[in-house]
Amino acid sequence: MFNEVMFSFMLMKLNVLFVAILIMASCSKVKKKEDLSERVTNDSVQEKTQVEKFNLEVYDFNGFEKFLNEENDKIHVINFWATWCGPCVKELPYFEKINETYKDKNVEVLLVSLDLPHQYETKLKPFIIDKKIKSRVIALDDPDMNTWIPKVDATWSGSIPATIIYKNNQRAFFEQSFTLESLEKAIKPFLK
């Protein structure tokens, strides 16, 4: 009888110990979840602050047109793109590489977003920040595309990605996606 009582007592102690271990483990998981939740909240507050501080230049076509006709010794690479365009997003790193590699050769990259105005705060700015885009990015907000697309280039159907490369009176227009190699090849004639 004494052994049975001792055995029951020991079993009860083990149960209490097991429950205590489960509670401590559970508290640890809750603490980890709270820490993760706090980090995610801090990150999203920080990202929201970055988006709010980001100064996106927005132009209608009349304001934008000056970028198409600058007469200086720079090679201007103007890429029309949008965050919703898969091929555009895929080639953005190549424009970033060109911007970095050729900046000492007087090459200037301008990324012209055609995202809709209601997407600037929720999609475009966070995209630019998240991808750490260093090239100059502006937004073209002019709904009268039928008027301004042929002014960019008479052969442009309006599809994107599209790119203009020019230096003074020398000009080339590309309604296509680029690889890094094909983009460099398109710029080479302007470097001479």
N, C-alpha and C. Protein backbone atom coordinates (compact mmCIF):
# COMPACT_ATOMS: atom_id res chain seq x y z
N MET A 1 0.82 -1.18 0.00
CA MET A 1 0.00 0.00 0.00
C MET A 1 0.87 1.25 0.00
N PHE A 2 1.90 1.21 0.85
CA PHE A 2 2.82 2.35 0.92
C PHE A 2 3.48 2.62 -0.43
N ASN A 3 3.86 1.55 -1.12
CA ASN A 3 4.49 1.68 -2.45
C ASN A 3 3.51 2.28 -3.46
N GLU A 4 2.25 1.89 -3.38
CA GLU A 4 1.26 2.43 -4.29
C GLU A 4 1.07 3.93 -4.04
N VAL A 5 1.04 4.34 -2.78
CA VAL A 5 0.88 5.75 -2.43
C VAL A 5 2.11 6.53 -2.92
N MET A 6 3.28 5.98 -2.69
CA MET A 6 4.52 6.63 -3.14
C MET A 6 4.55 6.73 -4.67
N PHE A 7 4.11 5.67 -5.32
CA PHE A 7 4.09 5.68 -6.78
C PHE A 7 3.12 6.74 -7.30
N SER A 8 1.95 6.82 -6.69
CA SER A 8 0.95 7.83 -7.08
C SER A 8 1.50 9.23 -6.83
N PHE A 9 2.15 9.42 -5.69
CA PHE A 9 2.73 10.71 -5.35
C PHE A 9 3.80 11.11 -6.37
N MET A 10 4.66 10.16 -6.72
CA MET A 10 5.73 10.42 -7.70
C MET A 10 5.12 10.72 -9.08
N LEU A 11 4.08 10.00 -9.45
CA LEU A 11 3.41 10.22 -10.72
C LEU A 11 2.78 11.61 -10.77
N MET A 12 2.18 12.02 -9.65
CA MET A 12 1.58 13.34 -9.56
C MET A 12 2.67 14.41 -9.69
N LYS A 13 3.81 14.22 -9.07
CA LYS A 13 4.93 15.17 -9.17
C LYS A 13 5.42 15.27 -10.61
N LEU A 14 5.52 14.12 -11.28
CA LEU A 14 5.95 14.13 -12.67
C LEU A 14 4.94 14.86 -13.55
N ASN A 15 3.65 14.66 -13.28
CA ASN A 15 2.61 15.38 -14.04
C ASN A 15 2.73 16.88 -13.83
N VAL A 16 2.93 17.30 -12.59
CA VAL A 16 3.08 18.73 -12.28
C VAL A 16 4.31 19.28 -12.99
N LEU A 17 5.40 18.54 -12.95
CA LEU A 17 6.64 18.96 -13.61
C LEU A 17 6.43 19.05 -15.12
N PHE A 18 5.74 18.07 -15.69
CA PHE A 18 5.45 18.07 -17.13
C PHE A 18 4.59 19.27 -17.51
N VAL A 19 3.55 19.57 -16.73
CA VAL A 19 2.69 20.72 -16.99
C VAL A 19 3.49 22.01 -16.88
N ALA A 20 4.38 22.11 -15.89
CA ALA A 20 5.21 23.31 -15.72
C ALA A 20 6.12 23.51 -16.92
N ILE A 21 6.68 22.43 -17.44
CA ILE A 21 7.56 22.52 -18.62
C ILE A 21 6.75 22.98 -19.83
N LEU A 22 5.55 22.43 -20.00
CA LEU A 22 4.69 22.84 -21.11
C LEU A 22 4.33 24.32 -21.02
N ILE A 23 4.02 24.79 -19.83
CA ILE A 23 3.67 26.20 -19.63
C ILE A 23 4.86 27.09 -19.98
N MET A 24 6.06 26.70 -19.51
CA MET A 24 7.26 27.51 -19.81
C MET A 24 7.54 27.52 -21.31
N ALA A 25 7.40 26.39 -21.97
CA ALA A 25 7.63 26.33 -23.41
C ALA A 25 6.60 27.17 -24.15
N SER A 26 5.37 27.08 -23.70
CA SER A 26 4.31 27.87 -24.32
C SER A 26 4.57 29.36 -24.15
N CYS A 27 4.99 29.77 -22.97
CA CYS A 27 5.31 31.18 -22.72
C CYS A 27 6.45 31.64 -23.62
N SER A 28 7.42 30.77 -23.82
CA SER A 28 8.54 31.10 -24.68
C SER A 28 8.07 31.34 -26.11
N LYS A 29 7.17 30.47 -26.60
CA LYS A 29 6.64 30.64 -27.95
C LYS A 29 5.83 31.92 -28.07
N VAL A 30 5.03 32.22 -27.04
CA VAL A 30 4.25 33.45 -27.05
C VAL A 30 5.19 34.65 -27.09
N LYS A 31 6.25 34.60 -26.30
CA LYS A 31 7.23 35.70 -26.28
C LYS A 31 7.88 35.86 -27.65
N LYS A 32 8.23 34.72 -28.30
CA LYS A 32 8.83 34.79 -29.63
C LYS A 32 7.84 35.39 -30.62
N LYS A 33 6.56 34.97 -30.54
CA LYS A 33 5.55 35.53 -31.43
C LYS A 33 5.38 37.02 -31.19
N GLU A 34 5.40 37.42 -29.90
CA GLU A 34 5.28 38.85 -29.58
C GLU A 34 6.47 39.62 -30.15
N ASP A 35 7.68 39.05 -30.00
CA ASP A 35 8.88 39.71 -30.54
C ASP A 35 8.79 39.84 -32.06
N LEU A 36 8.36 38.75 -32.73
CA LEU A 36 8.22 38.77 -34.17
C LEU A 36 7.16 39.79 -34.59
N SER A 37 6.04 39.77 -33.88
CA SER A 37 4.96 40.72 -34.18
C SER A 37 5.45 42.16 -34.00
N GLU A 38 6.22 42.40 -32.95
CA GLU A 38 6.76 43.74 -32.70
C GLU A 38 7.72 44.15 -33.82
N ARG A 39 8.57 43.21 -34.26
CA ARG A 39 9.51 43.50 -35.35
C ARG A 39 8.77 43.81 -36.64
N VAL A 40 7.75 43.01 -36.97
CA VAL A 40 6.98 43.22 -38.18
C VAL A 40 6.28 44.58 -38.12
N THR A 41 5.71 44.91 -36.97
CA THR A 41 5.06 46.21 -36.80
C THR A 41 6.07 47.33 -36.97
N ASN A 42 7.24 47.20 -36.34
CA ASN A 42 8.28 48.24 -36.47
C ASN A 42 8.74 48.38 -37.91
N ASP A 43 8.90 47.23 -38.59
CA ASP A 43 9.33 47.27 -39.99
C ASP A 43 8.29 47.96 -40.86
N SER A 44 7.00 47.64 -40.65
CA SER A 44 5.99 48.27 -41.49
C SER A 44 5.83 49.75 -41.18
N VAL A 45 6.03 50.15 -39.93
CA VAL A 45 6.00 51.58 -39.60
C VAL A 45 7.17 52.29 -40.27
N GLN A 46 8.34 51.65 -40.22
CA GLN A 46 9.53 52.23 -40.86
C GLN A 46 9.33 52.33 -42.37
N GLU A 47 8.78 51.28 -42.99
CA GLU A 47 8.54 51.30 -44.43
C GLU A 47 7.52 52.38 -44.79
N LYS A 48 6.47 52.50 -43.98
CA LYS A 48 5.45 53.51 -44.24
C LYS A 48 6.07 54.90 -44.16
N THR A 49 6.96 55.11 -43.20
CA THR A 49 7.65 56.40 -43.07
C THR A 49 8.52 56.66 -44.29
N GLN A 50 9.24 55.63 -44.76
CA GLN A 50 10.07 55.78 -45.96
C GLN A 50 9.22 56.15 -47.17
N VAL A 51 8.07 55.51 -47.32
CA VAL A 51 7.18 55.78 -48.44
C VAL A 51 6.67 57.22 -48.37
N GLU A 52 6.29 57.64 -47.16
CA GLU A 52 5.79 59.01 -46.99
C GLU A 52 6.87 60.05 -47.30
N LYS A 53 8.11 59.75 -46.95
CA LYS A 53 9.21 60.70 -47.17
C LYS A 53 9.72 60.69 -48.60
N PHE A 54 9.45 59.61 -49.34
CA PHE A 54 9.95 59.48 -50.71
C PHE A 54 9.28 60.51 -51.59
N ASN A 55 10.09 61.31 -52.26
CA ASN A 55 9.57 62.38 -53.12
C ASN A 55 9.53 61.87 -54.56
N LEU A 56 8.36 61.50 -55.01
CA LEU A 56 8.17 61.03 -56.38
C LEU A 56 7.80 62.23 -57.24
N GLU A 57 8.59 62.44 -58.29
CA GLU A 57 8.28 63.51 -59.24
C GLU A 57 7.20 62.99 -60.19
N VAL A 58 6.12 63.77 -60.34
CA VAL A 58 5.02 63.39 -61.21
C VAL A 58 4.82 64.49 -62.24
N TYR A 59 4.74 64.08 -63.51
CA TYR A 59 4.60 65.03 -64.61
C TYR A 59 3.44 64.64 -65.51
N ASP A 60 2.79 65.65 -66.09
CA ASP A 60 1.93 65.39 -67.23
C ASP A 60 2.86 65.43 -68.44
N PHE A 61 2.35 65.16 -69.65
CA PHE A 61 3.26 65.08 -70.78
C PHE A 61 3.94 66.42 -71.08
N ASN A 62 3.23 67.51 -70.93
CA ASN A 62 3.85 68.83 -71.18
C ASN A 62 5.06 69.05 -70.28
N GLY A 63 4.97 68.65 -69.03
CA GLY A 63 6.11 68.78 -68.11
C GLY A 63 7.19 67.77 -68.39
N PHE A 64 6.79 66.60 -68.86
CA PHE A 64 7.74 65.52 -69.12
C PHE A 64 8.53 65.73 -70.41
N GLU A 65 7.94 66.38 -71.39
CA GLU A 65 8.51 66.47 -72.74
C GLU A 65 9.95 67.00 -72.75
N LYS A 66 10.29 67.83 -71.78
CA LYS A 66 11.66 68.38 -71.72
C LYS A 66 12.72 67.28 -71.60
N PHE A 67 12.35 66.14 -70.98
CA PHE A 67 13.30 65.04 -70.81
C PHE A 67 13.62 64.34 -72.14
N LEU A 68 12.78 64.53 -73.13
CA LEU A 68 12.96 63.87 -74.43
C LEU A 68 13.86 64.64 -75.38
N ASN A 69 14.17 65.87 -75.04
CA ASN A 69 14.87 66.73 -76.00
C ASN A 69 15.99 67.55 -75.39
N GLU A 70 16.68 67.01 -74.44
CA GLU A 70 17.78 67.75 -73.82
C GLU A 70 18.98 67.74 -74.77
N GLU A 71 19.52 68.90 -74.99
CA GLU A 71 20.70 69.00 -75.86
C GLU A 71 21.91 69.32 -75.00
N ASN A 72 22.60 68.28 -74.65
CA ASN A 72 23.85 68.38 -73.90
C ASN A 72 24.69 67.18 -74.32
N ASP A 73 25.80 66.99 -73.71
CA ASP A 73 26.66 65.88 -74.14
C ASP A 73 26.37 64.57 -73.42
N LYS A 74 25.24 64.50 -72.75
CA LYS A 74 24.88 63.27 -72.05
C LYS A 74 24.16 62.31 -72.99
N ILE A 75 24.33 61.03 -72.69
CA ILE A 75 23.56 59.99 -73.35
C ILE A 75 22.37 59.72 -72.43
N HIS A 76 21.18 59.96 -72.94
CA HIS A 76 19.97 59.81 -72.15
C HIS A 76 19.33 58.46 -72.47
N VAL A 77 19.10 57.68 -71.42
CA VAL A 77 18.43 56.39 -71.55
C VAL A 77 17.12 56.52 -70.78
N ILE A 78 16.01 56.56 -71.51
CA ILE A 78 14.70 56.75 -70.90
C ILE A 78 13.88 55.48 -71.10
N ASN A 79 13.54 54.84 -69.98
CA ASN A 79 12.80 53.59 -70.03
C ASN A 79 11.39 53.80 -69.49
N PHE A 80 10.39 53.41 -70.29
CA PHE A 80 9.00 53.47 -69.88
C PHE A 80 8.62 52.09 -69.32
N TRP A 81 8.08 52.06 -68.12
CA TRP A 81 7.82 50.81 -67.43
C TRP A 81 6.67 50.99 -66.44
N ALA A 82 6.27 49.89 -65.77
CA ALA A 82 5.28 49.93 -64.69
C ALA A 82 5.51 48.73 -63.78
N THR A 83 5.10 48.86 -62.55
CA THR A 83 5.29 47.76 -61.59
C THR A 83 4.46 46.53 -61.96
N TRP A 84 3.37 46.71 -62.67
CA TRP A 84 2.50 45.60 -63.05
C TRP A 84 2.97 44.89 -64.32
N CYS A 85 4.02 45.38 -64.95
CA CYS A 85 4.54 44.82 -66.20
C CYS A 85 5.72 43.89 -65.89
N GLY A 86 5.48 42.58 -66.01
CA GLY A 86 6.52 41.59 -65.71
C GLY A 86 7.82 41.79 -66.47
N PRO A 87 7.78 41.93 -67.81
CA PRO A 87 9.03 42.14 -68.55
C PRO A 87 9.75 43.44 -68.15
N CYS A 88 8.98 44.46 -67.78
CA CYS A 88 9.58 45.73 -67.33
C CYS A 88 10.37 45.51 -66.05
N VAL A 89 9.74 44.84 -65.09
CA VAL A 89 10.36 44.60 -63.80
C VAL A 89 11.59 43.72 -63.97
N LYS A 90 11.50 42.74 -64.88
CA LYS A 90 12.62 41.83 -65.11
C LYS A 90 13.85 42.57 -65.63
N GLU A 91 13.66 43.59 -66.46
CA GLU A 91 14.81 44.28 -67.04
C GLU A 91 15.32 45.46 -66.21
N LEU A 92 14.60 45.87 -65.17
CA LEU A 92 15.04 47.01 -64.36
C LEU A 92 16.46 46.86 -63.81
N PRO A 93 16.86 45.67 -63.34
CA PRO A 93 18.24 45.55 -62.87
C PRO A 93 19.29 45.88 -63.95
N TYR A 94 18.96 45.65 -65.22
CA TYR A 94 19.90 45.96 -66.29
C TYR A 94 20.07 47.48 -66.44
N PHE A 95 18.97 48.20 -66.29
CA PHE A 95 19.06 49.66 -66.34
C PHE A 95 19.83 50.19 -65.13
N GLU A 96 19.62 49.55 -63.99
CA GLU A 96 20.38 49.94 -62.79
C GLU A 96 21.87 49.69 -63.00
N LYS A 97 22.20 48.57 -63.62
CA LYS A 97 23.61 48.24 -63.89
C LYS A 97 24.21 49.26 -64.87
N ILE A 98 23.46 49.62 -65.90
CA ILE A 98 23.92 50.63 -66.87
C ILE A 98 24.14 51.96 -66.16
N ASN A 99 23.20 52.34 -65.31
CA ASN A 99 23.30 53.59 -64.56
C ASN A 99 24.59 53.62 -63.74
N GLU A 100 24.89 52.51 -63.09
CA GLU A 100 26.08 52.44 -62.24
C GLU A 100 27.36 52.34 -63.07
N THR A 101 27.37 51.48 -64.07
CA THR A 101 28.58 51.21 -64.86
C THR A 101 28.99 52.38 -65.74
N TYR A 102 28.00 53.06 -66.33
CA TYR A 102 28.31 54.07 -67.34
C TYR A 102 28.13 55.52 -66.87
N LYS A 103 27.91 55.73 -65.58
CA LYS A 103 27.68 57.10 -65.13
C LYS A 103 28.92 57.98 -65.36
N ASP A 104 30.11 57.40 -65.31
CA ASP A 104 31.32 58.19 -65.57
C ASP A 104 31.55 58.41 -67.07
N LYS A 105 30.71 57.78 -67.91
CA LYS A 105 30.79 57.99 -69.35
C LYS A 105 29.64 58.90 -69.82
N ASN A 106 29.08 59.63 -68.87
CA ASN A 106 28.04 60.63 -69.17
C ASN A 106 26.71 60.01 -69.63
N VAL A 107 26.41 58.83 -69.10
CA VAL A 107 25.14 58.16 -69.39
C VAL A 107 24.20 58.43 -68.22
N GLU A 108 22.98 58.85 -68.56
CA GLU A 108 21.99 59.15 -67.53
C GLU A 108 20.73 58.32 -67.78
N VAL A 109 20.33 57.52 -66.78
CA VAL A 109 19.16 56.67 -66.89
C VAL A 109 17.98 57.35 -66.20
N LEU A 110 16.84 57.36 -66.89
CA LEU A 110 15.60 57.89 -66.34
C LEU A 110 14.53 56.82 -66.49
N LEU A 111 13.96 56.39 -65.38
CA LEU A 111 12.91 55.38 -65.40
C LEU A 111 11.57 56.08 -65.26
N VAL A 112 10.75 55.96 -66.30
CA VAL A 112 9.46 56.66 -66.34
C VAL A 112 8.35 55.66 -66.05
N SER A 113 7.78 55.76 -64.86
CA SER A 113 6.72 54.85 -64.46
C SER A 113 5.39 55.28 -65.07
N LEU A 114 4.68 54.30 -65.59
CA LEU A 114 3.33 54.52 -66.11
C LEU A 114 2.28 53.91 -65.19
N ASP A 115 2.66 53.68 -63.93
CA ASP A 115 1.69 53.21 -62.95
C ASP A 115 0.59 54.25 -62.78
N LEU A 116 -0.58 53.81 -62.39
CA LEU A 116 -1.70 54.72 -62.19
C LEU A 116 -1.51 55.53 -60.90
N PRO A 117 -1.97 56.77 -60.89
CA PRO A 117 -1.75 57.64 -59.71
C PRO A 117 -2.21 57.03 -58.39
N HIS A 118 -3.31 56.28 -58.38
CA HIS A 118 -3.77 55.71 -57.11
C HIS A 118 -2.84 54.60 -56.60
N GLN A 119 -1.85 54.19 -57.41
CA GLN A 119 -0.90 53.16 -57.01
C GLN A 119 0.44 53.73 -56.53
N TYR A 120 0.62 55.03 -56.61
CA TYR A 120 1.91 55.62 -56.25
C TYR A 120 2.31 55.29 -54.81
N GLU A 121 1.39 55.46 -53.88
CA GLU A 121 1.71 55.25 -52.46
C GLU A 121 1.74 53.78 -52.08
N THR A 122 0.87 52.99 -52.69
CA THR A 122 0.73 51.60 -52.26
C THR A 122 1.61 50.62 -53.04
N LYS A 123 1.95 50.95 -54.28
CA LYS A 123 2.74 50.02 -55.11
C LYS A 123 4.06 50.61 -55.57
N LEU A 124 4.00 51.78 -56.22
CA LEU A 124 5.19 52.31 -56.88
C LEU A 124 6.28 52.70 -55.88
N LYS A 125 5.95 53.55 -54.93
CA LYS A 125 6.97 53.99 -53.97
C LYS A 125 7.53 52.81 -53.16
N PRO A 126 6.67 51.92 -52.61
CA PRO A 126 7.24 50.77 -51.90
C PRO A 126 8.12 49.91 -52.80
N PHE A 127 7.76 49.76 -54.07
CA PHE A 127 8.55 48.97 -55.02
C PHE A 127 9.94 49.60 -55.18
N ILE A 128 10.00 50.90 -55.39
CA ILE A 128 11.27 51.61 -55.58
C ILE A 128 12.15 51.45 -54.34
N ILE A 129 11.54 51.59 -53.17
CA ILE A 129 12.29 51.47 -51.91
C ILE A 129 12.75 50.04 -51.70
N ASP A 130 11.85 49.09 -51.89
CA ASP A 130 12.17 47.68 -51.67
C ASP A 130 13.27 47.19 -52.61
N LYS A 131 13.22 47.61 -53.87
CA LYS A 131 14.21 47.17 -54.86
C LYS A 131 15.49 48.03 -54.82
N LYS A 132 15.47 49.06 -53.96
CA LYS A 132 16.64 49.95 -53.80
C LYS A 132 17.10 50.53 -55.14
N ILE A 133 16.14 51.04 -55.89
CA ILE A 133 16.44 51.60 -57.20
C ILE A 133 17.18 52.93 -57.03
N LYS A 134 18.32 53.03 -57.67
CA LYS A 134 19.17 54.22 -57.57
C LYS A 134 18.97 55.18 -58.74
N SER A 135 18.53 54.66 -59.88
CA SER A 135 18.28 55.52 -61.04
C SER A 135 17.15 56.49 -60.70
N ARG A 136 17.12 57.59 -61.41
CA ARG A 136 16.04 58.56 -61.20
C ARG A 136 14.74 57.96 -61.71
N VAL A 137 13.70 58.02 -60.88
CA VAL A 137 12.38 57.51 -61.25
C VAL A 137 11.40 58.68 -61.20
N ILE A 138 10.63 58.82 -62.27
CA ILE A 138 9.55 59.80 -62.29
C ILE A 138 8.27 59.07 -62.73
N ALA A 139 7.15 59.69 -62.47
CA ALA A 139 5.87 59.12 -62.91
C ALA A 139 5.28 60.03 -63.98
N LEU A 140 4.77 59.42 -65.03
CA LEU A 140 4.10 60.16 -66.09
C LEU A 140 2.60 59.94 -65.91
N ASP A 141 1.92 61.01 -65.54
CA ASP A 141 0.48 60.95 -65.29
C ASP A 141 -0.22 61.83 -66.30
N ASP A 142 -0.53 61.24 -67.44
CA ASP A 142 -1.26 61.96 -68.47
C ASP A 142 -2.15 60.95 -69.18
N PRO A 143 -3.46 61.00 -68.91
CA PRO A 143 -4.35 59.98 -69.44
C PRO A 143 -4.56 60.06 -70.95
N ASP A 144 -4.14 61.13 -71.60
CA ASP A 144 -4.35 61.29 -73.04
C ASP A 144 -3.22 60.62 -73.83
N MET A 145 -3.10 59.32 -73.66
CA MET A 145 -2.01 58.56 -74.28
C MET A 145 -2.00 58.65 -75.80
N ASN A 146 -3.18 58.69 -76.39
CA ASN A 146 -3.25 58.75 -77.85
C ASN A 146 -2.59 60.01 -78.40
N THR A 147 -2.50 61.04 -77.59
CA THR A 147 -1.86 62.27 -78.02
C THR A 147 -0.35 62.23 -77.79
N TRP A 148 0.08 61.76 -76.61
CA TRP A 148 1.51 61.86 -76.31
C TRP A 148 2.36 60.68 -76.75
N ILE A 149 1.80 59.49 -76.90
CA ILE A 149 2.61 58.34 -77.34
C ILE A 149 3.29 58.61 -78.68
N PRO A 150 2.60 59.10 -79.72
CA PRO A 150 3.30 59.36 -80.98
C PRO A 150 4.31 60.51 -80.88
N LYS A 151 4.18 61.36 -79.88
CA LYS A 151 5.17 62.43 -79.68
C LYS A 151 6.46 61.87 -79.10
N VAL A 152 6.36 60.78 -78.37
CA VAL A 152 7.56 60.11 -77.85
C VAL A 152 8.29 59.47 -79.02
N ASP A 153 7.55 58.69 -79.82
CA ASP A 153 8.10 58.11 -81.04
C ASP A 153 6.94 57.72 -81.94
N ALA A 154 7.02 58.09 -83.20
CA ALA A 154 5.92 57.85 -84.15
C ALA A 154 5.64 56.36 -84.35
N THR A 155 6.63 55.50 -84.09
CA THR A 155 6.45 54.06 -84.29
C THR A 155 5.95 53.33 -83.05
N TRP A 156 5.83 54.02 -81.93
CA TRP A 156 5.47 53.37 -80.67
C TRP A 156 3.99 53.02 -80.64
N SER A 157 3.70 51.75 -80.40
CA SER A 157 2.30 51.29 -80.30
C SER A 157 1.71 51.62 -78.93
N GLY A 158 2.58 51.91 -77.97
CA GLY A 158 2.13 52.21 -76.61
C GLY A 158 2.41 51.08 -75.64
N SER A 159 2.88 49.93 -76.14
CA SER A 159 3.17 48.83 -75.22
C SER A 159 4.49 49.09 -74.50
N ILE A 160 4.62 48.49 -73.33
CA ILE A 160 5.84 48.62 -72.55
C ILE A 160 6.38 47.23 -72.25
N PRO A 161 7.68 47.12 -72.04
CA PRO A 161 8.65 48.19 -71.89
C PRO A 161 9.01 48.82 -73.23
N ALA A 162 9.37 50.09 -73.13
CA ALA A 162 9.85 50.84 -74.29
C ALA A 162 10.98 51.75 -73.81
N THR A 163 11.95 51.95 -74.68
CA THR A 163 13.14 52.71 -74.28
C THR A 163 13.59 53.63 -75.40
N ILE A 164 13.96 54.83 -75.01
CA ILE A 164 14.58 55.78 -75.93
C ILE A 164 16.01 55.99 -75.45
N ILE A 165 16.93 55.96 -76.39
CA ILE A 165 18.32 56.32 -76.11
C ILE A 165 18.66 57.44 -77.07
N TYR A 166 19.15 58.54 -76.52
CA TYR A 166 19.52 59.65 -77.40
C TYR A 166 20.66 60.46 -76.83
N LYS A 167 21.35 61.11 -77.74
CA LYS A 167 22.39 62.08 -77.40
C LYS A 167 22.28 63.17 -78.46
N ASN A 168 21.90 64.36 -78.03
CA ASN A 168 21.68 65.48 -78.93
C ASN A 168 20.72 65.07 -80.05
N ASN A 169 21.17 65.04 -81.32
CA ASN A 169 20.27 64.71 -82.43
C ASN A 169 20.28 63.22 -82.81
N GLN A 170 21.14 62.44 -82.20
CA GLN A 170 21.19 61.00 -82.47
C GLN A 170 20.18 60.31 -81.54
N ARG A 171 19.30 59.51 -82.12
CA ARG A 171 18.19 58.94 -81.34
C ARG A 171 17.87 57.53 -81.81
N ALA A 172 17.52 56.66 -80.84
CA ALA A 172 17.06 55.30 -81.15
C ALA A 172 15.90 54.95 -80.22
N PHE A 173 14.90 54.28 -80.76
CA PHE A 173 13.74 53.88 -79.98
C PHE A 173 13.60 52.37 -80.03
N PHE A 174 13.27 51.76 -78.89
CA PHE A 174 13.15 50.31 -78.78
C PHE A 174 11.85 49.95 -78.06
N GLU A 175 10.98 49.25 -78.74
CA GLU A 175 9.75 48.76 -78.11
C GLU A 175 9.96 47.27 -77.87
N GLN A 176 10.71 46.97 -76.80
CA GLN A 176 11.14 45.60 -76.53
C GLN A 176 11.68 45.49 -75.12
N SER A 177 11.90 44.26 -74.69
CA SER A 177 12.61 43.99 -73.45
C SER A 177 14.09 43.87 -73.76
N PHE A 178 14.92 44.16 -72.77
CA PHE A 178 16.36 44.06 -72.93
C PHE A 178 16.94 43.02 -71.99
N THR A 179 18.05 42.44 -72.43
CA THR A 179 18.97 41.76 -71.53
C THR A 179 20.06 42.79 -71.25
N LEU A 180 20.93 42.52 -70.31
CA LEU A 180 22.02 43.46 -70.05
C LEU A 180 22.88 43.61 -71.30
N GLU A 181 23.15 42.51 -71.97
CA GLU A 181 24.01 42.53 -73.15
C GLU A 181 23.37 43.35 -74.27
N SER A 182 22.08 43.12 -74.52
CA SER A 182 21.43 43.85 -75.61
C SER A 182 21.28 45.35 -75.28
N LEU A 183 21.12 45.67 -74.03
CA LEU A 183 21.04 47.08 -73.63
C LEU A 183 22.40 47.76 -73.81
N GLU A 184 23.45 47.08 -73.41
CA GLU A 184 24.79 47.64 -73.62
C GLU A 184 25.07 47.81 -75.11
N LYS A 185 24.66 46.85 -75.90
CA LYS A 185 24.85 46.93 -77.35
C LYS A 185 24.11 48.13 -77.94
N ALA A 186 22.92 48.42 -77.41
CA ALA A 186 22.13 49.56 -77.90
C ALA A 186 22.76 50.89 -77.51
N ILE A 187 23.47 50.92 -76.40
CA ILE A 187 24.11 52.16 -75.93
C ILE A 187 25.45 52.42 -76.60
N LYS A 188 26.16 51.35 -76.97
CA LYS A 188 27.52 51.49 -77.54
C LYS A 188 27.65 52.52 -78.65
N PRO A 189 26.75 52.58 -79.65
CA PRO A 189 26.91 53.57 -80.72
C PRO A 189 26.90 55.03 -80.21
N PHE A 190 26.27 55.26 -79.09
CA PHE A 190 26.19 56.60 -78.54
C PHE A 190 27.46 56.98 -77.76
N LEU A 191 28.26 56.01 -77.41
CA LEU A 191 29.48 56.25 -76.64
C LEU A 191 30.62 56.77 -77.52
N LYS A 192 30.49 56.63 -78.82
CA LYS A 192 31.57 57.02 -79.73
C LYS A 192 31.58 58.50 -79.98
